[in-house]
Amino acid sequence: MRMKSLIKTAFFVACMLFAVHASADTIIGGDVTHTVGKGENLYRVGAKYGVYWKAIARTNGLSEKDPLVEGTTLKLNTRRIVPRVVDNGIIINIPDRTLYFFREKQLMALPVGLGAIFKNEYSDWKTPEGKFRIVSKRKDPTWYVPESIQIEYAIKGKNIEETVPPGPKNPLGKYAIKTSLPAVLIHETIWPGSVYRYMSHGCIRMLPEHIEQLFPLVEVNMPGEIIYEPVKVALTEDGRTFVEIRTDIYRKHKSLKNYTTKLIESRGMSDKVDWQKIDRLIKEESGIAEDVSLGKPARSAASSGSGSSVRPGFTGRVVDYFRNKFKKADQASTQTKF
């Protein structure tokens, strides 16, 4: 049953996992559909696919306040630009709330929850930027509560233990991956509604079904980096220009429009793009990569949903990839204690 569940989940990342090519910028994702399950809301659907919940409502003509009806089919656009490509390792881009996992020229992109916009004299909750390495990985971890959180609870008059044992009340869930950045963990969360949002104390939160995929693939000493790129530009192999604009959530840029303009100019694309489309993207901050090229494409991109072509048998190769990886991971887990 566990293997069937993992293979089923692999279909979700099918549009986000493929061989990485260095010859052109990398665009992943495209148009997908989702059938609303029992108890699901826009936040949860957005967290599963890495799509802004307001964009889901707008695309499907839904009110942002009304609950989702079970059985409803939703249309989603998951197309995004990969901000940075590495041979092996982890890249986490704060503005697009996505963890990009690279291994053996394969890429898996998974939505994450990040640090809230909060700072006082005791702590800064924003997720920090910087390079790191994986220090350790733990299954059923004990949570050693950071001093800053203990102080926060004390100020509010609430009690909190210095350690929280494994179990349903442990905020780290069943899986925790420790990075070399101080107090920054990649971990499962018992609050799934916080994924793909900025609500943590700085750690990287993941849905249970996503970290279950990631955990066996991550290796101790694997390199990684947390970056901050709210605007991404990509040039496809057929000469089309895509732009993706997201909210400058930590307010690192005085003007998102000026930042976008300079980025496009630095790529030598100023006279090749439709600036009216770019102005709309800046206003919407939808996080969806769109073709902003002047003129119509030589061929329709509707079939692939992005500027990157998808080869026949792609989904089958994804399933085979995960089947082999999890088979090896399951064999190794019988010999390894965390």
C-alpha atoms as a PDB file:
ATOM      1  CA  MET A   1       0.000   0.000   0.000  1.00  0.00           C
ATOM      2  CA  ARG A   2       2.837   2.391   0.843  1.00  0.00           C
ATOM      3  CA  MET A   3       4.441   1.953  -2.581  1.00  0.00           C
ATOM      4  CA  LYS A   4       1.119   2.489  -4.363  1.00  0.00           C
ATOM      5  CA  SER A   5       0.602   5.699  -2.396  1.00  0.00           C
ATOM      6  CA  LEU A   6       4.058   6.969  -3.278  1.00  0.00           C
ATOM      7  CA  ILE A   7       3.633   6.175  -6.960  1.00  0.00           C
ATOM      8  CA  LYS A   8       0.249   7.885  -6.960  1.00  0.00           C
ATOM      9  CA  THR A   9       1.808  10.984  -5.409  1.00  0.00           C
ATOM     10  CA  ALA A  10       4.545  10.896  -8.043  1.00  0.00           C
ATOM     11  CA  PHE A  11       1.968  11.795 -10.676  1.00  0.00           C
ATOM     12  CA  PHE A  12       1.546  15.168  -8.969  1.00  0.00           C
ATOM     13  CA  VAL A  13       5.198  16.043  -9.454  1.00  0.00           C
ATOM     14  CA  ALA A  14       5.252  14.587 -12.982  1.00  0.00           C
ATOM     15  CA  CYS A  15       5.046  18.074 -14.451  1.00  0.00           C
ATOM     16  CA  MET A  16       7.841  19.159 -12.158  1.00  0.00           C
ATOM     17  CA  LEU A  17      10.422  16.404 -12.564  1.00  0.00           C
ATOM     18  CA  PHE A  18      12.482  15.875 -15.682  1.00  0.00           C
ATOM     19  CA  ALA A  19      16.030  15.813 -17.009  1.00  0.00           C
ATOM     20  CA  VAL A  20      17.683  19.188 -16.534  1.00  0.00           C
ATOM     21  CA  HIS A  21      19.304  20.761 -19.576  1.00  0.00           C
ATOM     22  CA  ALA A  22      21.891  23.539 -19.274  1.00  0.00           C
ATOM     23  CA  SER A  23      21.421  24.909 -22.808  1.00  0.00           C
ATOM     24  CA  ALA A  24      18.369  27.031 -21.918  1.00  0.00           C
ATOM     25  CA  ASP A  25      16.600  28.360 -18.865  1.00  0.00           C
ATOM     26  CA  THR A  26      14.391  25.776 -17.208  1.00  0.00           C
ATOM     27  CA  ILE A  27      10.606  26.124 -17.141  1.00  0.00           C
ATOM     28  CA  ILE A  28       8.500  23.479 -15.419  1.00  0.00           C
ATOM     29  CA  GLY A  29       4.816  22.827 -14.813  1.00  0.00           C
ATOM     30  CA  GLY A  30       1.771  23.715 -16.856  1.00  0.00           C
ATOM     31  CA  ASP A  31      -2.005  23.320 -16.863  1.00  0.00           C
ATOM     32  CA  VAL A  32      -3.361  20.691 -14.471  1.00  0.00           C
ATOM     33  CA  THR A  33      -6.761  19.826 -12.991  1.00  0.00           C
ATOM     34  CA  HIS A  34      -7.687  18.919  -9.438  1.00  0.00           C
ATOM     35  CA  THR A  35     -10.865  17.376  -8.063  1.00  0.00           C
ATOM     36  CA  VAL A  36     -11.771  18.891  -4.711  1.00  0.00           C
ATOM     37  CA  GLY A  37     -11.706  16.357  -1.897  1.00  0.00           C
ATOM     38  CA  LYS A  38     -13.609  16.327   1.378  1.00  0.00           C
ATOM     39  CA  GLY A  39     -12.696  19.237   3.630  1.00  0.00           C
ATOM     40  CA  GLU A  40     -10.303  20.859   1.150  1.00  0.00           C
ATOM     41  CA  ASN A  41     -10.047  24.620   0.836  1.00  0.00           C
ATOM     42  CA  LEU A  42      -8.189  26.999  -1.478  1.00  0.00           C
ATOM     43  CA  TYR A  43      -5.218  27.195   0.899  1.00  0.00           C
ATOM     44  CA  ARG A  44      -4.778  23.417   1.000  1.00  0.00           C
ATOM     45  CA  VAL A  45      -5.119  22.971  -2.770  1.00  0.00           C
ATOM     46  CA  GLY A  46      -2.647  25.807  -3.325  1.00  0.00           C
ATOM     47  CA  ALA A  47      -0.210  24.235  -0.867  1.00  0.00           C
ATOM     48  CA  LYS A  48      -0.364  20.892  -2.649  1.00  0.00           C
ATOM     49  CA  TYR A  49       0.421  22.296  -6.090  1.00  0.00           C
ATOM     50  CA  GLY A  50       2.398  25.417  -5.236  1.00  0.00           C
ATOM     51  CA  VAL A  51      -0.180  27.833  -6.658  1.00  0.00           C
ATOM     52  CA  TYR A  52      -1.322  31.079  -5.024  1.00  0.00           C
ATOM     53  CA  TRP A  53      -4.811  30.443  -3.634  1.00  0.00           C
ATOM     54  CA  LYS A  54      -6.168  33.723  -4.995  1.00  0.00           C
ATOM     55  CA  ALA A  55      -4.962  32.746  -8.476  1.00  0.00           C
ATOM     56  CA  ILE A  56      -6.918  29.494  -8.159  1.00  0.00           C
ATOM     57  CA  ALA A  57     -10.062  31.419  -7.236  1.00  0.00           C
ATOM     58  CA  ARG A  58      -9.581  33.904 -10.079  1.00  0.00           C
ATOM     59  CA  THR A  59      -8.895  31.233 -12.715  1.00  0.00           C
ATOM     60  CA  ASN A  60     -11.987  29.244 -11.743  1.00  0.00           C
ATOM     61  CA  GLY A  61     -14.337  32.198 -11.225  1.00  0.00           C
ATOM     62  CA  LEU A  62     -14.745  31.441  -7.526  1.00  0.00           C
ATOM     63  CA  SER A  63     -15.356  33.741  -4.596  1.00  0.00           C
ATOM     64  CA  GLU A  64     -12.379  33.850  -2.261  1.00  0.00           C
ATOM     65  CA  LYS A  65     -14.719  33.638   0.730  1.00  0.00           C
ATOM     66  CA  ASP A  66     -16.964  30.747  -0.305  1.00  0.00           C
ATOM     67  CA  PRO A  67     -15.985  27.166   0.667  1.00  0.00           C
ATOM     68  CA  LEU A  68     -15.008  24.684  -2.034  1.00  0.00           C
ATOM     69  CA  VAL A  69     -17.599  22.097  -3.012  1.00  0.00           C
ATOM     70  CA  GLU A  70     -16.421  18.485  -2.868  1.00  0.00           C
ATOM     71  CA  GLY A  71     -16.162  16.951  -6.333  1.00  0.00           C
ATOM     72  CA  THR A  72     -15.613  20.269  -8.119  1.00  0.00           C
ATOM     73  CA  THR A  73     -12.929  20.177 -10.829  1.00  0.00           C
ATOM     74  CA  LEU A  74     -10.460  23.045 -10.582  1.00  0.00           C
ATOM     75  CA  LYS A  75      -8.060  24.271 -13.245  1.00  0.00           C
ATOM     76  CA  LEU A  76      -4.585  25.257 -12.081  1.00  0.00           C
ATOM     77  CA  ASN A  77      -1.484  26.605 -13.780  1.00  0.00           C
ATOM     78  CA  THR A  78       1.711  25.401 -12.086  1.00  0.00           C
ATOM     79  CA  ARG A  79       4.128  26.828 -14.679  1.00  0.00           C
ATOM     80  CA  ARG A  80       7.221  28.369 -13.102  1.00  0.00           C
ATOM     81  CA  ILE A  81      10.830  29.200 -13.845  1.00  0.00           C
ATOM     82  CA  VAL A  82      13.503  27.302 -11.959  1.00  0.00           C
ATOM     83  CA  PRO A  83      15.583  30.075 -10.338  1.00  0.00           C
ATOM     84  CA  ARG A  84      18.852  28.178 -10.249  1.00  0.00           C
ATOM     85  CA  VAL A  85      20.090  24.802 -11.506  1.00  0.00           C
ATOM     86  CA  VAL A  86      22.696  22.648  -9.722  1.00  0.00           C
ATOM     87  CA  ASP A  87      23.938  19.116 -10.352  1.00  0.00           C
ATOM     88  CA  ASN A  88      23.037  17.783  -6.912  1.00  0.00           C
ATOM     89  CA  GLY A  89      21.572  19.630  -3.967  1.00  0.00           C
ATOM     90  CA  ILE A  90      18.721  21.785  -2.729  1.00  0.00           C
ATOM     91  CA  ILE A  91      17.666  25.286  -3.763  1.00  0.00           C
ATOM     92  CA  ILE A  92      14.909  27.049  -1.798  1.00  0.00           C
ATOM     93  CA  ASN A  93      13.609  30.298  -3.268  1.00  0.00           C
ATOM     94  CA  ILE A  94      11.796  32.311  -0.609  1.00  0.00           C
ATOM     95  CA  PRO A  95       9.431  34.353  -2.854  1.00  0.00           C
ATOM     96  CA  ASP A  96       8.119  31.301  -4.709  1.00  0.00           C
ATOM     97  CA  ARG A  97       7.944  29.153  -1.564  1.00  0.00           C
ATOM     98  CA  THR A  98       9.390  26.174  -3.387  1.00  0.00           C
ATOM     99  CA  LEU A  99      12.105  23.660  -2.602  1.00  0.00           C
ATOM    100  CA  TYR A 100      13.966  22.490  -5.703  1.00  0.00           C
ATOM    101  CA  PHE A 101      15.689  19.147  -5.209  1.00  0.00           C
ATOM    102  CA  PHE A 102      18.356  18.141  -7.738  1.00  0.00           C
ATOM    103  CA  ARG A 103      19.866  14.695  -7.954  1.00  0.00           C
ATOM    104  CA  GLU A 104      21.423  12.787 -10.832  1.00  0.00           C
ATOM    105  CA  LYS A 105      20.233  15.394 -13.373  1.00  0.00           C
ATOM    106  CA  GLN A 106      16.667  15.073 -12.117  1.00  0.00           C
ATOM    107  CA  LEU A 107      14.605  17.869 -10.587  1.00  0.00           C
ATOM    108  CA  MET A 108      11.762  17.678  -8.077  1.00  0.00           C
ATOM    109  CA  ALA A 109       9.943  20.879  -7.032  1.00  0.00           C
ATOM    110  CA  LEU A 110       7.892  20.871  -3.828  1.00  0.00           C
ATOM    111  CA  PRO A 111       5.906  23.680  -2.114  1.00  0.00           C
ATOM    112  CA  VAL A 112       7.074  24.788   1.344  1.00  0.00           C
ATOM    113  CA  GLY A 113       6.004  27.105   4.155  1.00  0.00           C
ATOM    114  CA  LEU A 114       8.511  29.740   5.298  1.00  0.00           C
ATOM    115  CA  GLY A 115       9.213  32.318   7.988  1.00  0.00           C
ATOM    116  CA  ALA A 116       6.661  34.951   8.931  1.00  0.00           C
ATOM    117  CA  ILE A 117       7.308  38.691   8.619  1.00  0.00           C
ATOM    118  CA  PHE A 118       7.963  39.287  12.288  1.00  0.00           C
ATOM    119  CA  LYS A 119      10.876  40.655  14.255  1.00  0.00           C
ATOM    120  CA  ASN A 120      11.439  41.815  17.826  1.00  0.00           C
ATOM    121  CA  GLU A 121      14.375  42.182  20.195  1.00  0.00           C
ATOM    122  CA  TYR A 122      14.447  38.434  20.812  1.00  0.00           C
ATOM    123  CA  SER A 123      13.956  36.893  17.390  1.00  0.00           C
ATOM    124  CA  ASP A 124      13.542  37.369  13.663  1.00  0.00           C
ATOM    125  CA  TRP A 125      11.138  34.880  12.136  1.00  0.00           C
ATOM    126  CA  LYS A 126      12.043  35.485   8.492  1.00  0.00           C
ATOM    127  CA  THR A 127      13.732  32.512   6.839  1.00  0.00           C
ATOM    128  CA  PRO A 128      17.411  33.445   6.321  1.00  0.00           C
ATOM    129  CA  GLU A 129      19.245  33.351   3.015  1.00  0.00           C
ATOM    130  CA  GLY A 130      22.533  31.525   2.663  1.00  0.00           C
ATOM    131  CA  LYS A 131      24.368  28.378   1.693  1.00  0.00           C
ATOM    132  CA  PHE A 132      24.086  25.293   3.877  1.00  0.00           C
ATOM    133  CA  ARG A 133      24.719  21.583   4.094  1.00  0.00           C
ATOM    134  CA  ILE A 134      22.512  18.807   5.380  1.00  0.00           C
ATOM    135  CA  VAL A 135      23.795  17.965   8.852  1.00  0.00           C
ATOM    136  CA  SER A 136      21.450  15.133   9.787  1.00  0.00           C
ATOM    137  CA  LYS A 137      18.022  13.609   9.137  1.00  0.00           C
ATOM    138  CA  ARG A 138      15.719  12.221  11.792  1.00  0.00           C
ATOM    139  CA  LYS A 139      12.579  10.141  11.714  1.00  0.00           C
ATOM    140  CA  ASP A 140      10.141  10.679  14.608  1.00  0.00           C
ATOM    141  CA  PRO A 141      12.296  13.553  15.903  1.00  0.00           C
ATOM    142  CA  THR A 142      12.270  15.249  19.290  1.00  0.00           C
ATOM    143  CA  TRP A 143      11.769  19.008  19.045  1.00  0.00           C
ATOM    144  CA  TYR A 144      14.240  21.010  21.100  1.00  0.00           C
ATOM    145  CA  VAL A 145      12.384  24.292  21.464  1.00  0.00           C
ATOM    146  CA  PRO A 146      14.580  27.293  20.523  1.00  0.00           C
ATOM    147  CA  GLU A 147      15.157  29.823  23.282  1.00  0.00           C
ATOM    148  CA  SER A 148      13.534  32.585  21.228  1.00  0.00           C
ATOM    149  CA  ILE A 149      10.267  30.615  21.077  1.00  0.00           C
ATOM    150  CA  GLN A 150      10.433  29.892  24.792  1.00  0.00           C
ATOM    151  CA  ILE A 151      10.788  33.647  25.439  1.00  0.00           C
ATOM    152  CA  GLU A 152       7.890  34.370  23.070  1.00  0.00           C
ATOM    153  CA  TYR A 153       5.604  32.000  24.949  1.00  0.00           C
ATOM    154  CA  ALA A 154       6.724  33.381  28.321  1.00  0.00           C
ATOM    155  CA  ILE A 155       5.889  36.930  27.219  1.00  0.00           C
ATOM    156  CA  LYS A 156       2.408  35.760  26.228  1.00  0.00           C
ATOM    157  CA  GLY A 157       1.984  34.007  29.557  1.00  0.00           C
ATOM    158  CA  LYS A 158       1.900  30.556  27.950  1.00  0.00           C
ATOM    159  CA  ASN A 159       3.737  27.454  29.094  1.00  0.00           C
ATOM    160  CA  ILE A 160       5.958  25.445  26.758  1.00  0.00           C
ATOM    161  CA  GLU A 161       8.306  22.558  27.447  1.00  0.00           C
ATOM    162  CA  GLU A 162      11.978  22.778  26.475  1.00  0.00           C
ATOM    163  CA  THR A 163      11.589  19.558  24.491  1.00  0.00           C
ATOM    164  CA  VAL A 164       8.621  17.980  22.747  1.00  0.00           C
ATOM    165  CA  PRO A 165       8.779  14.175  22.236  1.00  0.00           C
ATOM    166  CA  PRO A 166       7.722  12.420  19.017  1.00  0.00           C
ATOM    167  CA  GLY A 167       3.980  12.228  18.544  1.00  0.00           C
ATOM    168  CA  PRO A 168       0.928  13.944  17.071  1.00  0.00           C
ATOM    169  CA  LYS A 169       1.588  17.188  19.006  1.00  0.00           C
ATOM    170  CA  ASN A 170       5.178  17.557  17.826  1.00  0.00           C
ATOM    171  CA  PRO A 171       5.371  20.478  15.317  1.00  0.00           C
ATOM    172  CA  LEU A 172       8.169  18.665  13.445  1.00  0.00           C
ATOM    173  CA  GLY A 173       5.879  15.798  12.489  1.00  0.00           C
ATOM    174  CA  LYS A 174       7.478  12.491  11.519  1.00  0.00           C
ATOM    175  CA  TYR A 175      10.433  13.804   9.521  1.00  0.00           C
ATOM    176  CA  ALA A 176      13.070  16.459  10.174  1.00  0.00           C
ATOM    177  CA  ILE A 177      16.129  17.365   8.103  1.00  0.00           C
ATOM    178  CA  LYS A 178      18.664  19.569   9.871  1.00  0.00           C
ATOM    179  CA  THR A 179      20.631  22.158   7.915  1.00  0.00           C
ATOM    180  CA  SER A 180      23.867  23.882   8.919  1.00  0.00           C
ATOM    181  CA  LEU A 181      22.005  27.204   9.155  1.00  0.00           C
ATOM    182  CA  PRO A 182      21.284  27.975  12.831  1.00  0.00           C
ATOM    183  CA  ALA A 183      17.877  26.643  13.941  1.00  0.00           C
ATOM    184  CA  VAL A 184      16.692  26.047  10.344  1.00  0.00           C
ATOM    185  CA  LEU A 185      15.088  22.654   9.751  1.00  0.00           C
ATOM    186  CA  ILE A 186      13.275  21.214   6.759  1.00  0.00           C
ATOM    187  CA  HIS A 187      10.450  19.291   8.380  1.00  0.00           C
ATOM    188  CA  GLU A 188       6.940  17.926   8.148  1.00  0.00           C
ATOM    189  CA  THR A 189       4.282  20.085   9.773  1.00  0.00           C
ATOM    190  CA  ILE A 190       1.197  19.182  11.772  1.00  0.00           C
ATOM    191  CA  TRP A 191      -0.346  22.426  10.482  1.00  0.00           C
ATOM    192  CA  PRO A 192      -0.776  21.762   6.736  1.00  0.00           C
ATOM    193  CA  GLY A 193      -2.595  25.069   6.309  1.00  0.00           C
ATOM    194  CA  SER A 194       0.715  26.869   6.906  1.00  0.00           C
ATOM    195  CA  VAL A 195       2.429  25.320   3.867  1.00  0.00           C
ATOM    196  CA  TYR A 196       2.922  27.630   0.892  1.00  0.00           C
ATOM    197  CA  ARG A 197       2.485  30.551   3.280  1.00  0.00           C
ATOM    198  CA  TYR A 198       4.746  32.610   5.544  1.00  0.00           C
ATOM    199  CA  MET A 199       3.829  31.449   9.042  1.00  0.00           C
ATOM    200  CA  SER A 200       6.825  29.600  10.517  1.00  0.00           C
ATOM    201  CA  HIS A 201       9.542  30.832  12.888  1.00  0.00           C
ATOM    202  CA  GLY A 202      12.070  30.500  10.064  1.00  0.00           C
ATOM    203  CA  CYS A 203      12.026  26.768   9.377  1.00  0.00           C
ATOM    204  CA  ILE A 204      10.937  25.167   6.101  1.00  0.00           C
ATOM    205  CA  ARG A 205       7.604  23.362   6.532  1.00  0.00           C
ATOM    206  CA  MET A 206       6.364  20.646   4.182  1.00  0.00           C
ATOM    207  CA  LEU A 207       3.194  18.627   3.698  1.00  0.00           C
ATOM    208  CA  PRO A 208       3.446  15.030   4.969  1.00  0.00           C
ATOM    209  CA  GLU A 209       3.059  13.515   1.485  1.00  0.00           C
ATOM    210  CA  HIS A 210       5.837  15.729   0.096  1.00  0.00           C
ATOM    211  CA  ILE A 211       8.513  15.271   2.747  1.00  0.00           C
ATOM    212  CA  GLU A 212       7.802  11.543   2.628  1.00  0.00           C
ATOM    213  CA  GLN A 213       9.080  11.682  -0.956  1.00  0.00           C
ATOM    214  CA  LEU A 214      12.026  13.935  -0.146  1.00  0.00           C
ATOM    215  CA  PHE A 215      13.311  12.367   3.076  1.00  0.00           C
ATOM    216  CA  PRO A 216      14.735   9.099   1.681  1.00  0.00           C
ATOM    217  CA  LEU A 217      16.414  10.930  -1.212  1.00  0.00           C
ATOM    218  CA  VAL A 218      18.254  13.566   0.827  1.00  0.00           C
ATOM    219  CA  GLU A 219      21.785  12.654   1.890  1.00  0.00           C
ATOM    220  CA  VAL A 220      23.821  13.953   4.812  1.00  0.00           C
ATOM    221  CA  ASN A 221      26.373  16.562   3.671  1.00  0.00           C
ATOM    222  CA  MET A 222      24.301  17.394   0.582  1.00  0.00           C
ATOM    223  CA  PRO A 223      24.745  21.091  -0.310  1.00  0.00           C
ATOM    224  CA  GLY A 224      21.935  23.602  -0.476  1.00  0.00           C
ATOM    225  CA  GLU A 225      21.157  27.290  -0.619  1.00  0.00           C
ATOM    226  CA  ILE A 226      18.249  29.526   0.352  1.00  0.00           C
ATOM    227  CA  ILE A 227      17.892  32.388  -2.139  1.00  0.00           C
ATOM    228  CA  TYR A 228      15.593  35.360  -2.672  1.00  0.00           C
ATOM    229  CA  GLU A 229      14.446  35.973  -6.249  1.00  0.00           C
ATOM    230  CA  PRO A 230      10.916  37.449  -6.583  1.00  0.00           C
ATOM    231  CA  VAL A 231      11.344  38.000 -10.336  1.00  0.00           C
ATOM    232  CA  LYS A 232      12.566  35.326 -12.723  1.00  0.00           C
ATOM    233  CA  VAL A 233      13.252  35.579 -16.444  1.00  0.00           C
ATOM    234  CA  ALA A 234      13.738  32.659 -18.829  1.00  0.00           C
ATOM    235  CA  LEU A 235      14.702  32.343 -22.472  1.00  0.00           C
ATOM    236  CA  THR A 236      13.516  29.141 -24.142  1.00  0.00           C
ATOM    237  CA  GLU A 237      15.284  27.172 -26.836  1.00  0.00           C
ATOM    238  CA  ASP A 238      12.916  28.549 -29.466  1.00  0.00           C
ATOM    239  CA  GLY A 239      13.668  32.154 -28.486  1.00  0.00           C
ATOM    240  CA  ARG A 240      10.583  32.929 -26.397  1.00  0.00           C
ATOM    241  CA  THR A 241      10.887  35.023 -23.225  1.00  0.00           C
ATOM    242  CA  PHE A 242       9.007  34.064 -20.078  1.00  0.00           C
ATOM    243  CA  VAL A 243       8.689  36.207 -16.952  1.00  0.00           C
ATOM    244  CA  GLU A 244       7.462  35.178 -13.503  1.00  0.00           C
ATOM    245  CA  ILE A 245       6.735  37.792 -10.839  1.00  0.00           C
ATOM    246  CA  ARG A 246       5.943  37.147  -7.208  1.00  0.00           C
ATOM    247  CA  THR A 247       5.383  39.289  -4.130  1.00  0.00           C
ATOM    248  CA  ASP A 248       8.501  40.803  -2.593  1.00  0.00           C
ATOM    249  CA  ILE A 249       7.311  39.405   0.722  1.00  0.00           C
ATOM    250  CA  TYR A 250      10.335  40.493   2.792  1.00  0.00           C
ATOM    251  CA  ARG A 251      10.407  43.882   1.045  1.00  0.00           C
ATOM    252  CA  LYS A 252      13.997  43.728  -0.115  1.00  0.00           C
ATOM    253  CA  HIS A 253      13.392  45.913  -3.183  1.00  0.00           C
ATOM    254  CA  LYS A 254      12.159  49.510  -3.202  1.00  0.00           C
ATOM    255  CA  SER A 255      10.378  49.042  -6.537  1.00  0.00           C
ATOM    256  CA  LEU A 256       9.464  45.685  -8.023  1.00  0.00           C
ATOM    257  CA  LYS A 257       8.939  47.392 -11.375  1.00  0.00           C
ATOM    258  CA  ASN A 258      12.446  48.881 -11.408  1.00  0.00           C
ATOM    259  CA  TYR A 259      13.917  45.573 -10.303  1.00  0.00           C
ATOM    260  CA  THR A 260      12.068  43.724 -13.090  1.00  0.00           C
ATOM    261  CA  THR A 261      13.150  46.287 -15.692  1.00  0.00           C
ATOM    262  CA  LYS A 262      16.819  46.049 -14.724  1.00  0.00           C
ATOM    263  CA  LEU A 263      16.700  42.249 -14.748  1.00  0.00           C
ATOM    264  CA  ILE A 264      15.223  42.155 -18.254  1.00  0.00           C
ATOM    265  CA  GLU A 265      17.724  44.771 -19.456  1.00  0.00           C
ATOM    266  CA  SER A 266      20.612  42.759 -18.017  1.00  0.00           C
ATOM    267  CA  ARG A 267      19.498  39.791 -20.125  1.00  0.00           C
ATOM    268  CA  GLY A 268      19.408  41.942 -23.284  1.00  0.00           C
ATOM    269  CA  MET A 269      15.679  41.371 -23.783  1.00  0.00           C
ATOM    270  CA  SER A 270      14.310  44.930 -23.512  1.00  0.00           C
ATOM    271  CA  ASP A 271      13.319  45.180 -27.184  1.00  0.00           C
ATOM    272  CA  LYS A 272      11.949  41.640 -27.336  1.00  0.00           C
ATOM    273  CA  VAL A 273       9.211  41.772 -24.709  1.00  0.00           C
ATOM    274  CA  ASP A 274       5.696  43.197 -24.391  1.00  0.00           C
ATOM    275  CA  TRP A 275       5.972  45.726 -21.567  1.00  0.00           C
ATOM    276  CA  GLN A 276       2.199  45.957 -21.179  1.00  0.00           C
ATOM    277  CA  LYS A 277       2.107  42.252 -20.312  1.00  0.00           C
ATOM    278  CA  ILE A 278       4.941  42.769 -17.855  1.00  0.00           C
ATOM    279  CA  ASP A 279       3.118  45.677 -16.195  1.00  0.00           C
ATOM    280  CA  ARG A 280       0.129  43.361 -15.728  1.00  0.00           C
ATOM    281  CA  LEU A 281       2.315  40.656 -14.189  1.00  0.00           C
ATOM    282  CA  ILE A 282       3.808  43.209 -11.796  1.00  0.00           C
ATOM    283  CA  LYS A 283       0.329  44.258 -10.739  1.00  0.00           C
ATOM    284  CA  GLU A 284      -0.988  40.716 -10.298  1.00  0.00           C
ATOM    285  CA  GLU A 285       2.122  39.101  -8.716  1.00  0.00           C
ATOM    286  CA  SER A 286       0.493  35.777  -9.615  1.00  0.00           C
ATOM    287  CA  GLY A 287       3.667  33.705  -9.559  1.00  0.00           C
ATOM    288  CA  ILE A 288       2.795  32.100 -12.906  1.00  0.00           C
ATOM    289  CA  ALA A 289       5.451  32.216 -15.620  1.00  0.00           C
ATOM    290  CA  GLU A 290       3.994  33.774 -18.775  1.00  0.00           C
ATOM    291  CA  ASP A 291       5.237  34.263 -22.329  1.00  0.00           C
ATOM    292  CA  VAL A 292       5.867  38.015 -22.717  1.00  0.00           C
ATOM    293  CA  SER A 293       7.567  37.817 -26.117  1.00  0.00           C
ATOM    294  CA  LEU A 294       6.630  40.195 -28.912  1.00  0.00           C
ATOM    295  CA  GLY A 295       4.866  38.408 -31.767  1.00  0.00           C
ATOM    296  CA  LYS A 296       3.161  35.050 -31.882  1.00  0.00           C
ATOM    297  CA  PRO A 297       5.128  31.836 -31.239  1.00  0.00           C
ATOM    298  CA  ALA A 298       6.200  29.833 -34.262  1.00  0.00           C
ATOM    299  CA  ARG A 299       4.457  26.796 -32.817  1.00  0.00           C
ATOM    300  CA  SER A 300       1.735  26.363 -30.227  1.00  0.00           C
ATOM    301  CA  ALA A 301       2.956  25.960 -26.666  1.00  0.00           C
ATOM    302  CA  ALA A 302      -0.443  24.759 -25.471  1.00  0.00           C
ATOM    303  CA  SER A 303       0.473  21.119 -25.650  1.00  0.00           C
ATOM    304  CA  SER A 304       3.392  21.428 -23.262  1.00  0.00           C
ATOM    305  CA  GLY A 305       2.132  24.298 -21.118  1.00  0.00           C
ATOM    306  CA  SER A 306       5.608  25.836 -20.983  1.00  0.00           C
ATOM    307  CA  GLY A 307       8.633  26.811 -22.958  1.00  0.00           C
ATOM    308  CA  SER A 308      10.233  23.431 -22.313  1.00  0.00           C
ATOM    309  CA  SER A 309       9.209  20.442 -24.379  1.00  0.00           C
ATOM    310  CA  VAL A 310       8.009  17.254 -22.684  1.00  0.00           C
ATOM    311  CA  ARG A 311       9.080  14.042 -24.319  1.00  0.00           C
ATOM    312  CA  PRO A 312       6.781  11.040 -24.947  1.00  0.00           C
ATOM    313  CA  GLY A 313       6.628   8.588 -22.068  1.00  0.00           C
ATOM    314  CA  PHE A 314       7.555  11.312 -19.601  1.00  0.00           C
ATOM    315  CA  THR A 315       5.125  10.303 -16.854  1.00  0.00           C
ATOM    316  CA  GLY A 316       6.227   6.702 -17.118  1.00  0.00           C
ATOM    317  CA  ARG A 317       9.845   7.715 -16.635  1.00  0.00           C
ATOM    318  CA  VAL A 318       8.892   9.725 -13.539  1.00  0.00           C
ATOM    319  CA  VAL A 319       7.099   6.750 -12.005  1.00  0.00           C
ATOM    320  CA  ASP A 320      10.041   4.458 -12.795  1.00  0.00           C
ATOM    321  CA  TYR A 321      12.408   7.001 -11.240  1.00  0.00           C
ATOM    322  CA  PHE A 322      10.453   7.132  -7.981  1.00  0.00           C
ATOM    323  CA  ARG A 323       9.873   3.363  -7.927  1.00  0.00           C
ATOM    324  CA  ASN A 324      13.614   2.688  -8.116  1.00  0.00           C
ATOM    325  CA  LYS A 325      14.500   5.403  -5.604  1.00  0.00           C
ATOM    326  CA  PHE A 326      11.960   4.306  -3.012  1.00  0.00           C
ATOM    327  CA  LYS A 327      12.846   0.654  -3.493  1.00  0.00           C
ATOM    328  CA  LYS A 328      16.456   1.477  -2.653  1.00  0.00           C
ATOM    329  CA  ALA A 329      15.353   3.706   0.224  1.00  0.00           C
ATOM    330  CA  ASP A 330      13.127   0.982   1.677  1.00  0.00           C
ATOM    331  CA  GLN A 331      15.986  -1.507   1.516  1.00  0.00           C
ATOM    332  CA  ALA A 332      18.338   0.931   3.201  1.00  0.00           C
ATOM    333  CA  SER A 333      15.818   1.825   5.921  1.00  0.00           C
ATOM    334  CA  THR A 334      15.937  -1.716   7.284  1.00  0.00           C
ATOM    335  CA  GLN A 335      19.621  -1.213   8.047  1.00  0.00           C
ATOM    336  CA  THR A 336      19.666   2.422   9.168  1.00  0.00           C
ATOM    337  CA  LYS A 337      18.523   3.968  12.440  1.00  0.00           C
ATOM    338  CA  PHE A 338      17.798   7.688  12.684  1.00  0.00           C
END
